[in-house]
Amino acid sequence: YKYYKSIEVAKGDTLWSIAQNHVDEKYFKNTGEYVAEVKKINSLASDN
């Protein structure tokens, strides 16, 4: 089952570092695909 959770962004975190810590290769082809989904879910226009 697919779920969503809210996490607080810590100092020094980037979308890519968060994605590397949470991506599951079983469901996402790569980290970039996971970052794209996180951006879409959060309506982010950039990686900032």
ModelCIF file with pLDDT and N, C-alpha, C, O atoms, coordinates in Angstrom:
data_MODEL
#
_entry.id   MODEL 
#
_entity.id                         1 
_entity.type                       polymer 
_entity.pdbx_number_of_molecules   1 
#
_entity_poly.entity_id                      1 
_entity_poly.type                           'polypeptide(L)' 
_entity_poly.nstd_linkage                   no 
_entity_poly.nstd_monomer                   no 
_entity_poly.pdbx_seq_one_letter_code       YKYYKSIEVAKGDTLWSIAQNHVDEKYFKNTGEYVAEVKKINSLASDN 
_entity_poly.pdbx_seq_one_letter_code_can   YKYYKSIEVAKGDTLWSIAQNHVDEKYFKNTGEYVAEVKKINSLASDN 
_entity_poly.pdbx_strand_id                 A 
#
loop_
_entity_poly_seq.entity_id 
_entity_poly_seq.num 
_entity_poly_seq.mon_id 
_entity_poly_seq.hetero 
1 1  TYR n 
1 2  LYS n 
1 3  TYR n 
1 4  TYR n 
1 5  LYS n 
1 6  SER n 
1 7  ILE n 
1 8  GLU n 
1 9  VAL n 
1 10 ALA n 
1 11 LYS n 
1 12 GLY n 
1 13 ASP n 
1 14 THR n 
1 15 LEU n 
1 16 TRP n 
1 17 SER n 
1 18 ILE n 
1 19 ALA n 
1 20 GLN n 
1 21 ASN n 
1 22 HIS n 
1 23 VAL n 
1 24 ASP n 
1 25 GLU n 
1 26 LYS n 
1 27 TYR n 
1 28 PHE n 
1 29 LYS n 
1 30 ASN n 
1 31 THR n 
1 32 GLY n 
1 33 GLU n 
1 34 TYR n 
1 35 VAL n 
1 36 ALA n 
1 37 GLU n 
1 38 VAL n 
1 39 LYS n 
1 40 LYS n 
1 41 ILE n 
1 42 ASN n 
1 43 SER n 
1 44 LEU n 
1 45 ALA n 
1 46 SER n 
1 47 ASP n 
1 48 ASN n 
#
_struct_asym.id          A 
_struct_asym.entity_id   1 
#
loop_
_ma_qa_metric.id 
_ma_qa_metric.mode 
_ma_qa_metric.name 
_ma_qa_metric.software_group_id 
_ma_qa_metric.type 
1 global pLDDT . pLDDT 
2 local  pLDDT . pLDDT 
#
_ma_qa_metric_global.metric_id      1 
_ma_qa_metric_global.metric_value   92.52 
_ma_qa_metric_global.model_id       1 
_ma_qa_metric_global.ordinal_id     1 
#
loop_
_ma_qa_metric_local.label_asym_id 
_ma_qa_metric_local.label_comp_id 
_ma_qa_metric_local.label_seq_id 
_ma_qa_metric_local.metric_id 
_ma_qa_metric_local.metric_value 
_ma_qa_metric_local.model_id 
_ma_qa_metric_local.ordinal_id 
A TYR 1  2 89.00 1 1  
A LYS 2  2 91.00 1 2  
A TYR 3  2 92.00 1 3  
A TYR 4  2 93.00 1 4  
A LYS 5  2 94.00 1 5  
A SER 6  2 95.00 1 6  
A ILE 7  2 94.00 1 7  
A GLU 8  2 95.00 1 8  
A VAL 9  2 94.00 1 9  
A ALA 10 2 94.00 1 10 
A LYS 11 2 94.00 1 11 
A GLY 12 2 92.00 1 12 
A ASP 13 2 93.00 1 13 
A THR 14 2 93.00 1 14 
A LEU 15 2 93.00 1 15 
A TRP 16 2 93.00 1 16 
A SER 17 2 94.00 1 17 
A ILE 18 2 94.00 1 18 
A ALA 19 2 93.00 1 19 
A GLN 20 2 93.00 1 20 
A ASN 21 2 92.00 1 21 
A HIS 22 2 92.00 1 22 
A VAL 23 2 92.00 1 23 
A ASP 24 2 88.00 1 24 
A GLU 25 2 87.00 1 25 
A LYS 26 2 87.00 1 26 
A TYR 27 2 89.00 1 27 
A PHE 28 2 91.00 1 28 
A LYS 29 2 91.00 1 29 
A ASN 30 2 92.00 1 30 
A THR 31 2 92.00 1 31 
A GLY 32 2 93.00 1 32 
A GLU 33 2 94.00 1 33 
A TYR 34 2 94.00 1 34 
A VAL 35 2 94.00 1 35 
A ALA 36 2 94.00 1 36 
A GLU 37 2 94.00 1 37 
A VAL 38 2 94.00 1 38 
A LYS 39 2 95.00 1 39 
A LYS 40 2 95.00 1 40 
A ILE 41 2 94.00 1 41 
A ASN 42 2 94.00 1 42 
A SER 43 2 93.00 1 43 
A LEU 44 2 93.00 1 44 
A ALA 45 2 92.00 1 45 
A SER 46 2 91.00 1 46 
A ASP 47 2 90.00 1 47 
A ASN 48 2 91.00 1 48 
#
loop_
_atom_site.group_PDB 
_atom_site.id 
_atom_site.type_symbol 
_atom_site.label_atom_id 
_atom_site.label_alt_id 
_atom_site.label_comp_id 
_atom_site.label_asym_id 
_atom_site.label_entity_id 
_atom_site.label_seq_id 
_atom_site.pdbx_PDB_ins_code 
_atom_site.Cartn_x 
_atom_site.Cartn_y 
_atom_site.Cartn_z 
_atom_site.occupancy 
_atom_site.B_iso_or_equiv 
_atom_site.pdbx_formal_charge 
_atom_site.auth_seq_id 
_atom_site.auth_comp_id 
_atom_site.auth_asym_id 
_atom_site.auth_atom_id 
_atom_site.pdbx_PDB_model_num 
ATOM 1   N N  . TYR A 1 1  ? 0.843  -1.184 0.000   1.00 89.00 ? 1  TYR A N  1 
ATOM 2   C CA . TYR A 1 1  ? 0.000  0.000  0.000   1.00 89.00 ? 1  TYR A CA 1 
ATOM 3   C C  . TYR A 1 1  ? 0.884  1.242  0.000   1.00 89.00 ? 1  TYR A C  1 
ATOM 4   O O  . TYR A 1 1  ? 1.930  1.277  0.649   1.00 89.00 ? 1  TYR A O  1 
ATOM 5   N N  . LYS A 1 2  ? 0.454  2.243  -0.727  1.00 91.00 ? 2  LYS A N  1 
ATOM 6   C CA . LYS A 1 2  ? 1.213  3.488  -0.809  1.00 91.00 ? 2  LYS A CA 1 
ATOM 7   C C  . LYS A 1 2  ? 0.670  4.444  0.248   1.00 91.00 ? 2  LYS A C  1 
ATOM 8   O O  . LYS A 1 2  ? -0.537 4.668  0.340   1.00 91.00 ? 2  LYS A O  1 
ATOM 9   N N  . TYR A 1 3  ? 1.582  5.005  1.047   1.00 92.00 ? 3  TYR A N  1 
ATOM 10  C CA . TYR A 1 3  ? 1.219  5.946  2.095   1.00 92.00 ? 3  TYR A CA 1 
ATOM 11  C C  . TYR A 1 3  ? 2.064  7.196  1.937   1.00 92.00 ? 3  TYR A C  1 
ATOM 12  O O  . TYR A 1 3  ? 3.027  7.228  1.171   1.00 92.00 ? 3  TYR A O  1 
ATOM 13  N N  . TYR A 1 4  ? 1.683  8.219  2.677   1.00 93.00 ? 4  TYR A N  1 
ATOM 14  C CA . TYR A 1 4  ? 2.409  9.481  2.665   1.00 93.00 ? 4  TYR A CA 1 
ATOM 15  C C  . TYR A 1 4  ? 2.665  9.895  4.104   1.00 93.00 ? 4  TYR A C  1 
ATOM 16  O O  . TYR A 1 4  ? 1.845  9.661  4.992   1.00 93.00 ? 4  TYR A O  1 
ATOM 17  N N  . LYS A 1 5  ? 3.815  10.514 4.315   1.00 94.00 ? 5  LYS A N  1 
ATOM 18  C CA . LYS A 1 5  ? 4.089  11.057 5.648   1.00 94.00 ? 5  LYS A CA 1 
ATOM 19  C C  . LYS A 1 5  ? 4.758  12.413 5.498   1.00 94.00 ? 5  LYS A C  1 
ATOM 20  O O  . LYS A 1 5  ? 5.394  12.708 4.486   1.00 94.00 ? 5  LYS A O  1 
ATOM 21  N N  . SER A 1 6  ? 4.598  13.218 6.519   1.00 95.00 ? 6  SER A N  1 
ATOM 22  C CA . SER A 1 6  ? 5.170  14.553 6.535   1.00 95.00 ? 6  SER A CA 1 
ATOM 23  C C  . SER A 1 6  ? 6.462  14.508 7.342   1.00 95.00 ? 6  SER A C  1 
ATOM 24  O O  . SER A 1 6  ? 6.497  13.957 8.442   1.00 95.00 ? 6  SER A O  1 
ATOM 25  N N  . ILE A 1 7  ? 7.516  15.088 6.792   1.00 94.00 ? 7  ILE A N  1 
ATOM 26  C CA . ILE A 1 7  ? 8.782  15.147 7.518   1.00 94.00 ? 7  ILE A CA 1 
ATOM 27  C C  . ILE A 1 7  ? 9.258  16.593 7.563   1.00 94.00 ? 7  ILE A C  1 
ATOM 28  O O  . ILE A 1 7  ? 8.972  17.387 6.666   1.00 94.00 ? 7  ILE A O  1 
ATOM 29  N N  . GLU A 1 8  ? 9.981  16.916 8.614   1.00 95.00 ? 8  GLU A N  1 
ATOM 30  C CA . GLU A 1 8  ? 10.538 18.266 8.740   1.00 95.00 ? 8  GLU A CA 1 
ATOM 31  C C  . GLU A 1 8  ? 11.882 18.309 8.041   1.00 95.00 ? 8  GLU A C  1 
ATOM 32  O O  . GLU A 1 8  ? 12.709 17.411 8.200   1.00 95.00 ? 8  GLU A O  1 
ATOM 33  N N  . VAL A 1 9  ? 12.092 19.357 7.268   1.00 94.00 ? 9  VAL A N  1 
ATOM 34  C CA . VAL A 1 9  ? 13.354 19.527 6.551   1.00 94.00 ? 9  VAL A CA 1 
ATOM 35  C C  . VAL A 1 9  ? 14.387 20.060 7.541   1.00 94.00 ? 9  VAL A C  1 
ATOM 36  O O  . VAL A 1 9  ? 14.184 21.110 8.150   1.00 94.00 ? 9  VAL A O  1 
ATOM 37  N N  . ALA A 1 10 ? 15.482 19.341 7.700   1.00 94.00 ? 10 ALA A N  1 
ATOM 38  C CA . ALA A 1 10 ? 16.556 19.742 8.606   1.00 94.00 ? 10 ALA A CA 1 
ATOM 39  C C  . ALA A 1 10 ? 17.556 20.613 7.857   1.00 94.00 ? 10 ALA A C  1 
ATOM 40  O O  . ALA A 1 10 ? 17.581 20.644 6.626   1.00 94.00 ? 10 ALA A O  1 
ATOM 41  N N  . LYS A 1 11 ? 18.374 21.316 8.623   1.00 94.00 ? 11 LYS A N  1 
ATOM 42  C CA . LYS A 1 11 ? 19.402 22.169 8.022   1.00 94.00 ? 11 LYS A CA 1 
ATOM 43  C C  . LYS A 1 11 ? 20.356 21.288 7.211   1.00 94.00 ? 11 LYS A C  1 
ATOM 44  O O  . LYS A 1 11 ? 20.831 20.266 7.706   1.00 94.00 ? 11 LYS A O  1 
ATOM 45  N N  . GLY A 1 12 ? 20.630 21.676 5.990   1.00 92.00 ? 12 GLY A N  1 
ATOM 46  C CA . GLY A 1 12 ? 21.530 20.926 5.115   1.00 92.00 ? 12 GLY A CA 1 
ATOM 47  C C  . GLY A 1 12 ? 20.829 19.885 4.258   1.00 92.00 ? 12 GLY A C  1 
ATOM 48  O O  . GLY A 1 12 ? 21.457 19.301 3.375   1.00 92.00 ? 12 GLY A O  1 
ATOM 49  N N  . ASP A 1 13 ? 19.544 19.636 4.493   1.00 93.00 ? 13 ASP A N  1 
ATOM 50  C CA . ASP A 1 13 ? 18.795 18.669 3.684   1.00 93.00 ? 13 ASP A CA 1 
ATOM 51  C C  . ASP A 1 13 ? 18.526 19.231 2.294   1.00 93.00 ? 13 ASP A C  1 
ATOM 52  O O  . ASP A 1 13 ? 18.294 20.428 2.124   1.00 93.00 ? 13 ASP A O  1 
ATOM 53  N N  . THR A 1 14 ? 18.562 18.356 1.318   1.00 93.00 ? 14 THR A N  1 
ATOM 54  C CA . THR A 1 14 ? 18.129 18.676 -0.039  1.00 93.00 ? 14 THR A CA 1 
ATOM 55  C C  . THR A 1 14 ? 17.093 17.639 -0.439  1.00 93.00 ? 14 THR A C  1 
ATOM 56  O O  . THR A 1 14 ? 16.959 16.600 0.208   1.00 93.00 ? 14 THR A O  1 
ATOM 57  N N  . LEU A 1 15 ? 16.368 17.924 -1.502  1.00 93.00 ? 15 LEU A N  1 
ATOM 58  C CA . LEU A 1 15 ? 15.410 16.925 -1.983  1.00 93.00 ? 15 LEU A CA 1 
ATOM 59  C C  . LEU A 1 15 ? 16.124 15.625 -2.319  1.00 93.00 ? 15 LEU A C  1 
ATOM 60  O O  . LEU A 1 15 ? 15.598 14.537 -2.082  1.00 93.00 ? 15 LEU A O  1 
ATOM 61  N N  . TRP A 1 16 ? 17.309 15.743 -2.865  1.00 93.00 ? 16 TRP A N  1 
ATOM 62  C CA . TRP A 1 16 ? 18.066 14.558 -3.271  1.00 93.00 ? 16 TRP A CA 1 
ATOM 63  C C  . TRP A 1 16 ? 18.547 13.753 -2.062  1.00 93.00 ? 16 TRP A C  1 
ATOM 64  O O  . TRP A 1 16 ? 18.516 12.523 -2.097  1.00 93.00 ? 16 TRP A O  1 
ATOM 65  N N  . SER A 1 17 ? 18.993 14.423 -0.995  1.00 94.00 ? 17 SER A N  1 
ATOM 66  C CA . SER A 1 17 ? 19.445 13.674 0.198   1.00 94.00 ? 17 SER A CA 1 
ATOM 67  C C  . SER A 1 17 ? 18.262 12.997 0.886   1.00 94.00 ? 17 SER A C  1 
ATOM 68  O O  . SER A 1 17 ? 18.375 11.874 1.375   1.00 94.00 ? 17 SER A O  1 
ATOM 69  N N  . ILE A 1 18 ? 17.124 13.698 0.917   1.00 94.00 ? 18 ILE A N  1 
ATOM 70  C CA . ILE A 1 18 ? 15.917 13.097 1.498   1.00 94.00 ? 18 ILE A CA 1 
ATOM 71  C C  . ILE A 1 18 ? 15.484 11.896 0.655   1.00 94.00 ? 18 ILE A C  1 
ATOM 72  O O  . ILE A 1 18 ? 15.129 10.847 1.192   1.00 94.00 ? 18 ILE A O  1 
ATOM 73  N N  . ALA A 1 19 ? 15.518 12.061 -0.656  1.00 93.00 ? 19 ALA A N  1 
ATOM 74  C CA . ALA A 1 19 ? 15.121 10.968 -1.557  1.00 93.00 ? 19 ALA A CA 1 
ATOM 75  C C  . ALA A 1 19 ? 16.040 9.760  -1.386  1.00 93.00 ? 19 ALA A C  1 
ATOM 76  O O  . ALA A 1 19 ? 15.566 8.625  -1.360  1.00 93.00 ? 19 ALA A O  1 
ATOM 77  N N  . GLN A 1 20 ? 17.342 9.992  -1.270  1.00 93.00 ? 20 GLN A N  1 
ATOM 78  C CA . GLN A 1 20 ? 18.278 8.876  -1.099  1.00 93.00 ? 20 GLN A CA 1 
ATOM 79  C C  . GLN A 1 20 ? 18.001 8.109  0.189   1.00 93.00 ? 20 GLN A C  1 
ATOM 80  O O  . GLN A 1 20 ? 18.214 6.898  0.252   1.00 93.00 ? 20 GLN A O  1 
ATOM 81  N N  . ASN A 1 21 ? 17.524 8.813  1.217   1.00 92.00 ? 21 ASN A N  1 
ATOM 82  C CA . ASN A 1 21 ? 17.233 8.160  2.500   1.00 92.00 ? 21 ASN A CA 1 
ATOM 83  C C  . ASN A 1 21 ? 15.893 7.430  2.505   1.00 92.00 ? 21 ASN A C  1 
ATOM 84  O O  . ASN A 1 21 ? 15.686 6.526  3.315   1.00 92.00 ? 21 ASN A O  1 
ATOM 85  N N  . HIS A 1 22 ? 14.981 7.812  1.610   1.00 92.00 ? 22 HIS A N  1 
ATOM 86  C CA . HIS A 1 22 ? 13.630 7.242  1.660   1.00 92.00 ? 22 HIS A CA 1 
ATOM 87  C C  . HIS A 1 22 ? 13.188 6.482  0.413   1.00 92.00 ? 22 HIS A C  1 
ATOM 88  O O  . HIS A 1 22 ? 12.143 5.832  0.439   1.00 92.00 ? 22 HIS A O  1 
ATOM 89  N N  . VAL A 1 23 ? 13.946 6.543  -0.669  1.00 92.00 ? 23 VAL A N  1 
ATOM 90  C CA . VAL A 1 23 ? 13.522 5.897  -1.913  1.00 92.00 ? 23 VAL A CA 1 
ATOM 91  C C  . VAL A 1 23 ? 13.527 4.378  -1.753  1.00 92.00 ? 23 VAL A C  1 
ATOM 92  O O  . VAL A 1 23 ? 14.400 3.816  -1.091  1.00 92.00 ? 23 VAL A O  1 
ATOM 93  N N  . ASP A 1 24 ? 12.567 3.738  -2.352  1.00 88.00 ? 24 ASP A N  1 
ATOM 94  C CA . ASP A 1 24 ? 12.489 2.275  -2.365  1.00 88.00 ? 24 ASP A CA 1 
ATOM 95  C C  . ASP A 1 24 ? 12.613 1.842  -3.821  1.00 88.00 ? 24 ASP A C  1 
ATOM 96  O O  . ASP A 1 24 ? 11.686 2.033  -4.608  1.00 88.00 ? 24 ASP A O  1 
ATOM 97  N N  . GLU A 1 25 ? 13.758 1.257  -4.183  1.00 87.00 ? 25 GLU A N  1 
ATOM 98  C CA . GLU A 1 25 ? 14.042 0.891  -5.578  1.00 87.00 ? 25 GLU A CA 1 
ATOM 99  C C  . GLU A 1 25 ? 13.047 -0.121 -6.142  1.00 87.00 ? 25 GLU A C  1 
ATOM 100 O O  . GLU A 1 25 ? 12.970 -0.320 -7.354  1.00 87.00 ? 25 GLU A O  1 
ATOM 101 N N  . LYS A 1 26 ? 12.299 -0.748 -5.267  1.00 87.00 ? 26 LYS A N  1 
ATOM 102 C CA . LYS A 1 26 ? 11.301 -1.708 -5.724  1.00 87.00 ? 26 LYS A CA 1 
ATOM 103 C C  . LYS A 1 26 ? 10.148 -0.994 -6.441  1.00 87.00 ? 26 LYS A C  1 
ATOM 104 O O  . LYS A 1 26 ? 9.490  -1.577 -7.302  1.00 87.00 ? 26 LYS A O  1 
ATOM 105 N N  . TYR A 1 27 ? 9.910  0.277  -6.078  1.00 89.00 ? 27 TYR A N  1 
ATOM 106 C CA . TYR A 1 27 ? 8.768  1.013  -6.619  1.00 89.00 ? 27 TYR A CA 1 
ATOM 107 C C  . TYR A 1 27 ? 9.161  2.211  -7.472  1.00 89.00 ? 27 TYR A C  1 
ATOM 108 O O  . TYR A 1 27 ? 8.326  2.757  -8.192  1.00 89.00 ? 27 TYR A O  1 
ATOM 109 N N  . PHE A 1 28 ? 10.413 2.623  -7.399  1.00 91.00 ? 28 PHE A N  1 
ATOM 110 C CA . PHE A 1 28 ? 10.895 3.745  -8.197  1.00 91.00 ? 28 PHE A CA 1 
ATOM 111 C C  . PHE A 1 28 ? 12.131 3.307  -8.965  1.00 91.00 ? 28 PHE A C  1 
ATOM 112 O O  . PHE A 1 28 ? 12.995 2.618  -8.423  1.00 91.00 ? 28 PHE A O  1 
ATOM 113 N N  . LYS A 1 29 ? 12.213 3.710  -10.229 1.00 91.00 ? 29 LYS A N  1 
ATOM 114 C CA . LYS A 1 29 ? 13.345 3.305  -11.072 1.00 91.00 ? 29 LYS A CA 1 
ATOM 115 C C  . LYS A 1 29 ? 14.665 3.856  -10.541 1.00 91.00 ? 29 LYS A C  1 
ATOM 116 O O  . LYS A 1 29 ? 15.694 3.181  -10.574 1.00 91.00 ? 29 LYS A O  1 
ATOM 117 N N  . ASN A 1 30 ? 14.616 5.100  -10.050 1.00 92.00 ? 30 ASN A N  1 
ATOM 118 C CA . ASN A 1 30 ? 15.836 5.738  -9.540  1.00 92.00 ? 30 ASN A CA 1 
ATOM 119 C C  . ASN A 1 30 ? 15.456 6.871  -8.595  1.00 92.00 ? 30 ASN A C  1 
ATOM 120 O O  . ASN A 1 30 ? 14.275 7.155  -8.392  1.00 92.00 ? 30 ASN A O  1 
ATOM 121 N N  . THR A 1 31 ? 16.464 7.510  -8.024  1.00 92.00 ? 31 THR A N  1 
ATOM 122 C CA . THR A 1 31 ? 16.232 8.590  -7.075  1.00 92.00 ? 31 THR A CA 1 
ATOM 123 C C  . THR A 1 31 ? 15.569 9.781  -7.754  1.00 92.00 ? 31 THR A C  1 
ATOM 124 O O  . THR A 1 31 ? 14.740 10.458 -7.145  1.00 92.00 ? 31 THR A O  1 
ATOM 125 N N  . GLY A 1 32 ? 15.925 10.046 -9.016  1.00 93.00 ? 32 GLY A N  1 
ATOM 126 C CA . GLY A 1 32 ? 15.334 11.162 -9.749  1.00 93.00 ? 32 GLY A CA 1 
ATOM 127 C C  . GLY A 1 32 ? 13.826 11.024 -9.890  1.00 93.00 ? 32 GLY A C  1 
ATOM 128 O O  . GLY A 1 32 ? 13.102 12.014 -9.794  1.00 93.00 ? 32 GLY A O  1 
ATOM 129 N N  . GLU A 1 33 ? 13.353 9.823  -10.113 1.00 94.00 ? 33 GLU A N  1 
ATOM 130 C CA . GLU A 1 33 ? 11.915 9.587  -10.215 1.00 94.00 ? 33 GLU A CA 1 
ATOM 131 C C  . GLU A 1 33 ? 11.223 9.874  -8.884  1.00 94.00 ? 33 GLU A C  1 
ATOM 132 O O  . GLU A 1 33 ? 10.126 10.431 -8.849  1.00 94.00 ? 33 GLU A O  1 
ATOM 133 N N  . TYR A 1 34 ? 11.883 9.485  -7.788  1.00 94.00 ? 34 TYR A N  1 
ATOM 134 C CA . TYR A 1 34 ? 11.335 9.748  -6.460  1.00 94.00 ? 34 TYR A CA 1 
ATOM 135 C C  . TYR A 1 34 ? 11.293 11.251 -6.188  1.00 94.00 ? 34 TYR A C  1 
ATOM 136 O O  . TYR A 1 34 ? 10.295 11.757 -5.675  1.00 94.00 ? 34 TYR A O  1 
ATOM 137 N N  . VAL A 1 35 ? 12.374 11.973 -6.528  1.00 94.00 ? 35 VAL A N  1 
ATOM 138 C CA . VAL A 1 35 ? 12.423 13.430 -6.353  1.00 94.00 ? 35 VAL A CA 1 
ATOM 139 C C  . VAL A 1 35 ? 11.303 14.089 -7.151  1.00 94.00 ? 35 VAL A C  1 
ATOM 140 O O  . VAL A 1 35 ? 10.643 15.002 -6.655  1.00 94.00 ? 35 VAL A O  1 
ATOM 141 N N  . ALA A 1 36 ? 11.084 13.633 -8.383  1.00 94.00 ? 36 ALA A N  1 
ATOM 142 C CA . ALA A 1 36 ? 10.019 14.202 -9.220  1.00 94.00 ? 36 ALA A CA 1 
ATOM 143 C C  . ALA A 1 36 ? 8.659  14.008 -8.555  1.00 94.00 ? 36 ALA A C  1 
ATOM 144 O O  . ALA A 1 36 ? 7.831  14.918 -8.577  1.00 94.00 ? 36 ALA A O  1 
ATOM 145 N N  . GLU A 1 37 ? 8.416  12.845 -7.969  1.00 94.00 ? 37 GLU A N  1 
ATOM 146 C CA . GLU A 1 37 ? 7.130  12.618 -7.302  1.00 94.00 ? 37 GLU A CA 1 
ATOM 147 C C  . GLU A 1 37 ? 6.985  13.488 -6.062  1.00 94.00 ? 37 GLU A C  1 
ATOM 148 O O  . GLU A 1 37 ? 5.905  14.022 -5.807  1.00 94.00 ? 37 GLU A O  1 
ATOM 149 N N  . VAL A 1 38 ? 8.061  13.639 -5.283  1.00 94.00 ? 38 VAL A N  1 
ATOM 150 C CA . VAL A 1 38 ? 8.007  14.493 -4.089  1.00 94.00 ? 38 VAL A CA 1 
ATOM 151 C C  . VAL A 1 38 ? 7.716  15.937 -4.501  1.00 94.00 ? 38 VAL A C  1 
ATOM 152 O O  . VAL A 1 38 ? 6.925  16.622 -3.853  1.00 94.00 ? 38 VAL A O  1 
ATOM 153 N N  . LYS A 1 39 ? 8.354  16.394 -5.575  1.00 95.00 ? 39 LYS A N  1 
ATOM 154 C CA . LYS A 1 39 ? 8.103  17.754 -6.064  1.00 95.00 ? 39 LYS A CA 1 
ATOM 155 C C  . LYS A 1 39 ? 6.645  17.910 -6.491  1.00 95.00 ? 39 LYS A C  1 
ATOM 156 O O  . LYS A 1 39 ? 6.023  18.932 -6.199  1.00 95.00 ? 39 LYS A O  1 
ATOM 157 N N  . LYS A 1 40 ? 6.104  16.924 -7.166  1.00 95.00 ? 40 LYS A N  1 
ATOM 158 C CA . LYS A 1 40 ? 4.713  16.974 -7.630  1.00 95.00 ? 40 LYS A CA 1 
ATOM 159 C C  . LYS A 1 40 ? 3.746  16.999 -6.442  1.00 95.00 ? 40 LYS A C  1 
ATOM 160 O O  . LYS A 1 40 ? 2.811  17.798 -6.410  1.00 95.00 ? 40 LYS A O  1 
ATOM 161 N N  . ILE A 1 41 ? 3.982  16.117 -5.467  1.00 94.00 ? 41 ILE A N  1 
ATOM 162 C CA . ILE A 1 41 ? 3.103  16.032 -4.297  1.00 94.00 ? 41 ILE A CA 1 
ATOM 163 C C  . ILE A 1 41 ? 3.078  17.362 -3.542  1.00 94.00 ? 41 ILE A C  1 
ATOM 164 O O  . ILE A 1 41 ? 2.027  17.795 -3.069  1.00 94.00 ? 41 ILE A O  1 
ATOM 165 N N  . ASN A 1 42 ? 4.246  18.010 -3.431  1.00 94.00 ? 42 ASN A N  1 
ATOM 166 C CA . ASN A 1 42 ? 4.372  19.226 -2.648  1.00 94.00 ? 42 ASN A CA 1 
ATOM 167 C C  . ASN A 1 42 ? 4.237  20.496 -3.490  1.00 94.00 ? 42 ASN A C  1 
ATOM 168 O O  . ASN A 1 42 ? 4.412  21.602 -2.978  1.00 94.00 ? 42 ASN A O  1 
ATOM 169 N N  . SER A 1 43 ? 3.929  20.341 -4.771  1.00 93.00 ? 43 SER A N  1 
ATOM 170 C CA . SER A 1 43 ? 3.782  21.475 -5.703  1.00 93.00 ? 43 SER A CA 1 
ATOM 171 C C  . SER A 1 43 ? 5.026  22.359 -5.701  1.00 93.00 ? 43 SER A C  1 
ATOM 172 O O  . SER A 1 43 ? 4.924  23.583 -5.624  1.00 93.00 ? 43 SER A O  1 
ATOM 173 N N  . LEU A 1 44 ? 6.178  21.744 -5.784  1.00 93.00 ? 44 LEU A N  1 
ATOM 174 C CA . LEU A 1 44 ? 7.439  22.489 -5.817  1.00 93.00 ? 44 LEU A CA 1 
ATOM 175 C C  . LEU A 1 44 ? 7.858  22.719 -7.262  1.00 93.00 ? 44 LEU A C  1 
ATOM 176 O O  . LEU A 1 44 ? 7.845  21.796 -8.077  1.00 93.00 ? 44 LEU A O  1 
ATOM 177 N N  . ALA A 1 45 ? 8.222  23.934 -7.565  1.00 92.00 ? 45 ALA A N  1 
ATOM 178 C CA . ALA A 1 45 ? 8.662  24.264 -8.919  1.00 92.00 ? 45 ALA A CA 1 
ATOM 179 C C  . ALA A 1 45 ? 10.156 23.988 -9.092  1.00 92.00 ? 45 ALA A C  1 
ATOM 180 O O  . ALA A 1 45 ? 10.621 23.741 -10.205 1.00 92.00 ? 45 ALA A O  1 
ATOM 181 N N  . SER A 1 46 ? 10.906 24.032 -7.986  1.00 91.00 ? 46 SER A N  1 
ATOM 182 C CA . SER A 1 46 ? 12.352 23.793 -8.064  1.00 91.00 ? 46 SER A CA 1 
ATOM 183 C C  . SER A 1 46 ? 12.759 22.805 -6.974  1.00 91.00 ? 46 SER A C  1 
ATOM 184 O O  . SER A 1 46 ? 11.931 22.323 -6.201  1.00 91.00 ? 46 SER A O  1 
ATOM 185 N N  . ASP A 1 47 ? 14.063 22.518 -6.937  1.00 90.00 ? 47 ASP A N  1 
ATOM 186 C CA . ASP A 1 47 ? 14.586 21.577 -5.926  1.00 90.00 ? 47 ASP A CA 1 
ATOM 187 C C  . ASP A 1 47 ? 14.869 22.261 -4.590  1.00 90.00 ? 47 ASP A C  1 
ATOM 188 O O  . ASP A 1 47 ? 15.286 21.600 -3.639  1.00 90.00 ? 47 ASP A O  1 
ATOM 189 N N  . ASN A 1 48 ? 14.651 23.565 -4.504  1.00 91.00 ? 48 ASN A N  1 
ATOM 190 C CA . ASN A 1 48 ? 14.970 24.314 -3.282  1.00 91.00 ? 48 ASN A CA 1 
ATOM 191 C C  . ASN A 1 48 ? 13.938 24.034 -2.195  1.00 91.00 ? 48 ASN A C  1 
ATOM 192 O O  . ASN A 1 48 ? 14.038 24.575 -1.094  1.00 91.00 ? 48 ASN A O  1 
#
